[in-house]
Amino acid sequence: MTLEIERLLDKTGWRLLNELQQNARLSYTELGQRVGLSLPAVTDRIRRMEEAGILTGYHAEINFERVGLPVQAIVRLESIGGRSCDYVAEQANQIPEVMECDRVIGDDSIVVKVVATSINHLTKVIDQLSQYGIPTTSIVRSRPTKRYTISPEIAEPAGKETNPSS
């Protein structure tokens, strides 16, 4: 971590991040009240976190079923036929049903999260993806964990050695 990022991720910075991860729609005034900063200080801190690449976006969470996409699946692609992972990921990201695409290490090369209106629709998406690798598909039954919150405990595991001069 750079020195600037370490400064931004002090106790107050982590409290800001926690509040934003819980509710990214909080006003800067409300954020300031929750973490003990003035409105200008919150504005400046968040701007600097964005510039440092710590905060990369603000998102609305969509209930896929409510918008007509009740089928969710994880499609793993292996043996991508000599194509680069970057190429396959670019192509997968062009498919509207693809919600996430990760390059991975292991038996698979690409892991894709997709949504569909039906099993027939999912089959068509899998057929599109299969031109880039051998697909293995798992249908999602439920999502017991829907959001994650990054905390300093995760980012700085216990026992990690720190170098005060760095």
C-alpha atoms as a PDB file:
ATOM      1  CA  MET A   1       0.000   0.000   0.000  1.00  0.00           C
ATOM      2  CA  THR A   2       1.187   3.480  -0.729  1.00  0.00           C
ATOM      3  CA  LEU A   3       1.564   6.000   2.055  1.00  0.00           C
ATOM      4  CA  GLU A   4      -1.392   8.033   0.728  1.00  0.00           C
ATOM      5  CA  ILE A   5      -3.662   4.974   0.758  1.00  0.00           C
ATOM      6  CA  GLU A   6      -2.500   4.102   4.279  1.00  0.00           C
ATOM      7  CA  ARG A   7      -3.391   7.651   5.398  1.00  0.00           C
ATOM      8  CA  LEU A   8      -6.815   7.405   3.784  1.00  0.00           C
ATOM      9  CA  LEU A   9      -7.431   4.025   5.413  1.00  0.00           C
ATOM     10  CA  ASP A  10      -7.057   5.175   8.980  1.00  0.00           C
ATOM     11  CA  LYS A  11      -9.789   4.410  11.521  1.00  0.00           C
ATOM     12  CA  THR A  12     -12.018   7.206  10.175  1.00  0.00           C
ATOM     13  CA  GLY A  13     -11.431   6.144   6.574  1.00  0.00           C
ATOM     14  CA  TRP A  14     -12.492   2.589   7.354  1.00  0.00           C
ATOM     15  CA  ARG A  15     -15.582   3.894   9.153  1.00  0.00           C
ATOM     16  CA  LEU A  16     -16.472   5.916   6.039  1.00  0.00           C
ATOM     17  CA  LEU A  17     -15.985   2.877   3.831  1.00  0.00           C
ATOM     18  CA  ASN A  18     -18.120   0.757   6.132  1.00  0.00           C
ATOM     19  CA  GLU A  19     -20.966   3.289   6.061  1.00  0.00           C
ATOM     20  CA  LEU A  20     -20.782   3.589   2.259  1.00  0.00           C
ATOM     21  CA  GLN A  21     -20.760  -0.194   1.832  1.00  0.00           C
ATOM     22  CA  GLN A  22     -23.868  -0.435   4.003  1.00  0.00           C
ATOM     23  CA  ASN A  23     -25.660   2.392   2.180  1.00  0.00           C
ATOM     24  CA  ALA A  24     -23.990   4.236  -0.695  1.00  0.00           C
ATOM     25  CA  ARG A  25     -26.937   6.647  -0.858  1.00  0.00           C
ATOM     26  CA  LEU A  26     -26.131   8.349   2.436  1.00  0.00           C
ATOM     27  CA  SER A  27     -25.649  12.084   2.077  1.00  0.00           C
ATOM     28  CA  TYR A  28     -22.248  13.503   2.892  1.00  0.00           C
ATOM     29  CA  THR A  29     -23.875  15.331   5.797  1.00  0.00           C
ATOM     30  CA  GLU A  30     -25.186  12.047   7.230  1.00  0.00           C
ATOM     31  CA  LEU A  31     -21.834  10.342   6.606  1.00  0.00           C
ATOM     32  CA  GLY A  32     -20.078  13.152   8.460  1.00  0.00           C
ATOM     33  CA  GLN A  33     -22.409  12.812  11.428  1.00  0.00           C
ATOM     34  CA  ARG A  34     -21.854   9.056  11.573  1.00  0.00           C
ATOM     35  CA  VAL A  35     -18.053   9.221  11.445  1.00  0.00           C
ATOM     36  CA  GLY A  36     -17.442  12.560  13.181  1.00  0.00           C
ATOM     37  CA  LEU A  37     -16.297  14.679  10.220  1.00  0.00           C
ATOM     38  CA  SER A  38     -17.495  17.990   8.808  1.00  0.00           C
ATOM     39  CA  LEU A  39     -19.169  18.114   5.397  1.00  0.00           C
ATOM     40  CA  PRO A  40     -16.036  19.553   3.702  1.00  0.00           C
ATOM     41  CA  ALA A  41     -13.836  16.896   5.346  1.00  0.00           C
ATOM     42  CA  VAL A  42     -16.137  14.071   4.172  1.00  0.00           C
ATOM     43  CA  THR A  43     -16.266  15.530   0.660  1.00  0.00           C
ATOM     44  CA  ASP A  44     -12.479  15.812   0.523  1.00  0.00           C
ATOM     45  CA  ARG A  45     -11.863  12.352   2.000  1.00  0.00           C
ATOM     46  CA  ILE A  46     -14.261  10.637  -0.428  1.00  0.00           C
ATOM     47  CA  ARG A  47     -12.828  12.534  -3.403  1.00  0.00           C
ATOM     48  CA  ARG A  48      -9.312  11.434  -2.406  1.00  0.00           C
ATOM     49  CA  MET A  49     -10.496   7.812  -1.944  1.00  0.00           C
ATOM     50  CA  GLU A  50     -11.967   7.904  -5.450  1.00  0.00           C
ATOM     51  CA  GLU A  51      -8.778   9.413  -6.918  1.00  0.00           C
ATOM     52  CA  ALA A  52      -6.669   6.772  -5.132  1.00  0.00           C
ATOM     53  CA  GLY A  53      -8.817   4.007  -6.640  1.00  0.00           C
ATOM     54  CA  ILE A  54     -10.136   2.804  -3.278  1.00  0.00           C
ATOM     55  CA  LEU A  55     -13.722   3.720  -4.153  1.00  0.00           C
ATOM     56  CA  THR A  56     -14.420   2.601  -7.700  1.00  0.00           C
ATOM     57  CA  GLY A  57     -18.176   3.021  -8.011  1.00  0.00           C
ATOM     58  CA  TYR A  58     -21.603   3.236  -6.437  1.00  0.00           C
ATOM     59  CA  HIS A  59     -24.159   0.618  -7.379  1.00  0.00           C
ATOM     60  CA  ALA A  60     -27.822  -0.219  -7.089  1.00  0.00           C
ATOM     61  CA  GLU A  61     -28.502  -3.831  -6.120  1.00  0.00           C
ATOM     62  CA  ILE A  62     -31.183  -5.360  -8.324  1.00  0.00           C
ATOM     63  CA  ASN A  63     -33.513  -8.207  -7.380  1.00  0.00           C
ATOM     64  CA  PHE A  64     -33.150 -10.267 -10.561  1.00  0.00           C
ATOM     65  CA  GLU A  65     -36.373 -12.211 -10.011  1.00  0.00           C
ATOM     66  CA  ARG A  66     -38.419  -9.022  -9.685  1.00  0.00           C
ATOM     67  CA  VAL A  67     -37.165  -7.758 -13.048  1.00  0.00           C
ATOM     68  CA  GLY A  68     -37.943 -11.029 -14.847  1.00  0.00           C
ATOM     69  CA  LEU A  69     -34.602 -12.849 -14.529  1.00  0.00           C
ATOM     70  CA  PRO A  70     -35.295 -15.689 -12.069  1.00  0.00           C
ATOM     71  CA  VAL A  71     -32.589 -18.033 -13.396  1.00  0.00           C
ATOM     72  CA  GLN A  72     -29.053 -17.335 -12.217  1.00  0.00           C
ATOM     73  CA  ALA A  73     -26.112 -19.544 -13.048  1.00  0.00           C
ATOM     74  CA  ILE A  74     -22.359 -19.817 -12.749  1.00  0.00           C
ATOM     75  CA  VAL A  75     -20.713 -20.947 -15.987  1.00  0.00           C
ATOM     76  CA  ARG A  76     -17.109 -22.081 -15.811  1.00  0.00           C
ATOM     77  CA  LEU A  77     -15.122 -22.212 -19.040  1.00  0.00           C
ATOM     78  CA  GLU A  78     -12.102 -24.462 -19.384  1.00  0.00           C
ATOM     79  CA  SER A  79      -9.857 -25.197 -22.336  1.00  0.00           C
ATOM     80  CA  ILE A  80     -10.464 -21.902 -24.102  1.00  0.00           C
ATOM     81  CA  GLY A  81      -8.912 -23.206 -27.313  1.00  0.00           C
ATOM     82  CA  GLY A  82      -5.688 -21.239 -27.437  1.00  0.00           C
ATOM     83  CA  ARG A  83      -7.491 -17.924 -27.079  1.00  0.00           C
ATOM     84  CA  SER A  84      -6.264 -15.497 -24.471  1.00  0.00           C
ATOM     85  CA  CYS A  85      -8.259 -15.102 -21.285  1.00  0.00           C
ATOM     86  CA  ASP A  86      -8.515 -11.383 -22.041  1.00  0.00           C
ATOM     87  CA  TYR A  87     -10.130 -12.114 -25.411  1.00  0.00           C
ATOM     88  CA  VAL A  88     -12.604 -14.589 -23.934  1.00  0.00           C
ATOM     89  CA  ALA A  89     -13.465 -12.198 -21.098  1.00  0.00           C
ATOM     90  CA  GLU A  90     -14.021  -9.359 -23.600  1.00  0.00           C
ATOM     91  CA  GLN A  91     -16.338 -11.556 -25.663  1.00  0.00           C
ATOM     92  CA  ALA A  92     -18.241 -12.787 -22.591  1.00  0.00           C
ATOM     93  CA  ASN A  93     -18.732  -9.200 -21.426  1.00  0.00           C
ATOM     94  CA  GLN A  94     -20.478  -8.438 -24.743  1.00  0.00           C
ATOM     95  CA  ILE A  95     -23.286 -10.864 -23.836  1.00  0.00           C
ATOM     96  CA  PRO A  96     -26.008  -8.849 -22.029  1.00  0.00           C
ATOM     97  CA  GLU A  97     -26.901 -11.716 -19.676  1.00  0.00           C
ATOM     98  CA  VAL A  98     -23.356 -11.804 -18.267  1.00  0.00           C
ATOM     99  CA  MET A  99     -23.320 -10.040 -14.900  1.00  0.00           C
ATOM    100  CA  GLU A 100     -19.754 -10.844 -13.858  1.00  0.00           C
ATOM    101  CA  CYS A 101     -16.737 -12.392 -15.508  1.00  0.00           C
ATOM    102  CA  ASP A 102     -13.585 -13.464 -13.653  1.00  0.00           C
ATOM    103  CA  ARG A 103     -10.291 -14.851 -14.907  1.00  0.00           C
ATOM    104  CA  VAL A 104      -9.261 -17.641 -12.549  1.00  0.00           C
ATOM    105  CA  ILE A 105      -6.397 -20.034 -11.927  1.00  0.00           C
ATOM    106  CA  GLY A 106      -7.184 -23.730 -11.664  1.00  0.00           C
ATOM    107  CA  ASP A 107      -9.060 -26.200 -13.822  1.00  0.00           C
ATOM    108  CA  ASP A 108     -11.113 -23.386 -15.329  1.00  0.00           C
ATOM    109  CA  SER A 109      -9.903 -20.239 -17.086  1.00  0.00           C
ATOM    110  CA  ILE A 110     -13.010 -18.048 -16.884  1.00  0.00           C
ATOM    111  CA  VAL A 111     -15.929 -18.015 -14.428  1.00  0.00           C
ATOM    112  CA  VAL A 112     -19.052 -16.178 -15.565  1.00  0.00           C
ATOM    113  CA  LYS A 113     -22.170 -15.255 -13.594  1.00  0.00           C
ATOM    114  CA  VAL A 114     -25.218 -15.062 -15.843  1.00  0.00           C
ATOM    115  CA  VAL A 115     -28.927 -14.330 -15.497  1.00  0.00           C
ATOM    116  CA  ALA A 116     -31.773 -15.540 -17.685  1.00  0.00           C
ATOM    117  CA  THR A 117     -35.537 -15.482 -17.989  1.00  0.00           C
ATOM    118  CA  SER A 118     -35.838 -19.284 -18.221  1.00  0.00           C
ATOM    119  CA  ILE A 119     -33.872 -22.502 -18.598  1.00  0.00           C
ATOM    120  CA  ASN A 120     -34.320 -22.220 -22.385  1.00  0.00           C
ATOM    121  CA  HIS A 121     -32.881 -18.705 -22.273  1.00  0.00           C
ATOM    122  CA  LEU A 122     -29.983 -19.954 -20.118  1.00  0.00           C
ATOM    123  CA  THR A 123     -29.308 -22.695 -22.673  1.00  0.00           C
ATOM    124  CA  LYS A 124     -28.943 -20.046 -25.394  1.00  0.00           C
ATOM    125  CA  VAL A 125     -26.501 -18.066 -23.233  1.00  0.00           C
ATOM    126  CA  ILE A 126     -24.474 -21.218 -22.530  1.00  0.00           C
ATOM    127  CA  ASP A 127     -24.415 -21.952 -26.264  1.00  0.00           C
ATOM    128  CA  GLN A 128     -23.000 -18.451 -26.866  1.00  0.00           C
ATOM    129  CA  LEU A 129     -20.337 -18.957 -24.197  1.00  0.00           C
ATOM    130  CA  SER A 130     -19.439 -22.463 -25.408  1.00  0.00           C
ATOM    131  CA  GLN A 131     -17.786 -21.052 -28.530  1.00  0.00           C
ATOM    132  CA  TYR A 132     -15.058 -19.720 -26.203  1.00  0.00           C
ATOM    133  CA  GLY A 133     -14.475 -22.833 -24.082  1.00  0.00           C
ATOM    134  CA  ILE A 134     -15.944 -25.994 -22.636  1.00  0.00           C
ATOM    135  CA  PRO A 135     -18.732 -24.883 -20.266  1.00  0.00           C
ATOM    136  CA  THR A 136     -19.684 -26.379 -16.933  1.00  0.00           C
ATOM    137  CA  THR A 137     -22.825 -24.817 -15.499  1.00  0.00           C
ATOM    138  CA  SER A 138     -24.199 -24.618 -11.967  1.00  0.00           C
ATOM    139  CA  ILE A 139     -27.631 -23.101 -11.390  1.00  0.00           C
ATOM    140  CA  VAL A 140     -27.830 -20.853  -8.348  1.00  0.00           C
ATOM    141  CA  ARG A 141     -30.553 -21.998  -5.922  1.00  0.00           C
ATOM    142  CA  SER A 142     -30.154 -19.133  -3.456  1.00  0.00           C
ATOM    143  CA  ARG A 143     -27.739 -16.433  -2.356  1.00  0.00           C
ATOM    144  CA  PRO A 144     -27.372 -16.636   1.423  1.00  0.00           C
ATOM    145  CA  THR A 145     -24.713 -13.907   1.292  1.00  0.00           C
ATOM    146  CA  LYS A 146     -25.747 -11.102  -1.014  1.00  0.00           C
ATOM    147  CA  ARG A 147     -23.256  -8.414  -0.093  1.00  0.00           C
ATOM    148  CA  TYR A 148     -19.870  -8.320   1.405  1.00  0.00           C
ATOM    149  CA  THR A 149     -18.258  -5.643   3.490  1.00  0.00           C
ATOM    150  CA  ILE A 150     -14.528  -5.126   3.341  1.00  0.00           C
ATOM    151  CA  SER A 151     -13.128  -4.277   6.759  1.00  0.00           C
ATOM    152  CA  PRO A 152      -9.661  -3.546   8.104  1.00  0.00           C
ATOM    153  CA  GLU A 153      -9.650  -6.998   9.736  1.00  0.00           C
ATOM    154  CA  ILE A 154      -9.806  -8.603   6.290  1.00  0.00           C
ATOM    155  CA  ALA A 155      -7.389  -6.188   4.629  1.00  0.00           C
ATOM    156  CA  GLU A 156      -4.798  -6.467   7.399  1.00  0.00           C
ATOM    157  CA  PRO A 157      -4.833 -10.061   8.690  1.00  0.00           C
ATOM    158  CA  ALA A 158      -3.669 -10.668  12.253  1.00  0.00           C
ATOM    159  CA  GLY A 159      -0.018 -11.458  12.542  1.00  0.00           C
ATOM    160  CA  LYS A 160       0.880  -9.623   9.357  1.00  0.00           C
ATOM    161  CA  GLU A 161       4.252  -8.001   9.741  1.00  0.00           C
ATOM    162  CA  THR A 162       4.331  -4.315   9.013  1.00  0.00           C
ATOM    163  CA  ASN A 163       7.360  -2.276   8.163  1.00  0.00           C
ATOM    164  CA  PRO A 164       7.041   1.167   9.779  1.00  0.00           C
ATOM    165  CA  SER A 165       9.585   2.672   7.386  1.00  0.00           C
ATOM    166  CA  SER A 166       7.640   1.738   4.240  1.00  0.00           C
END
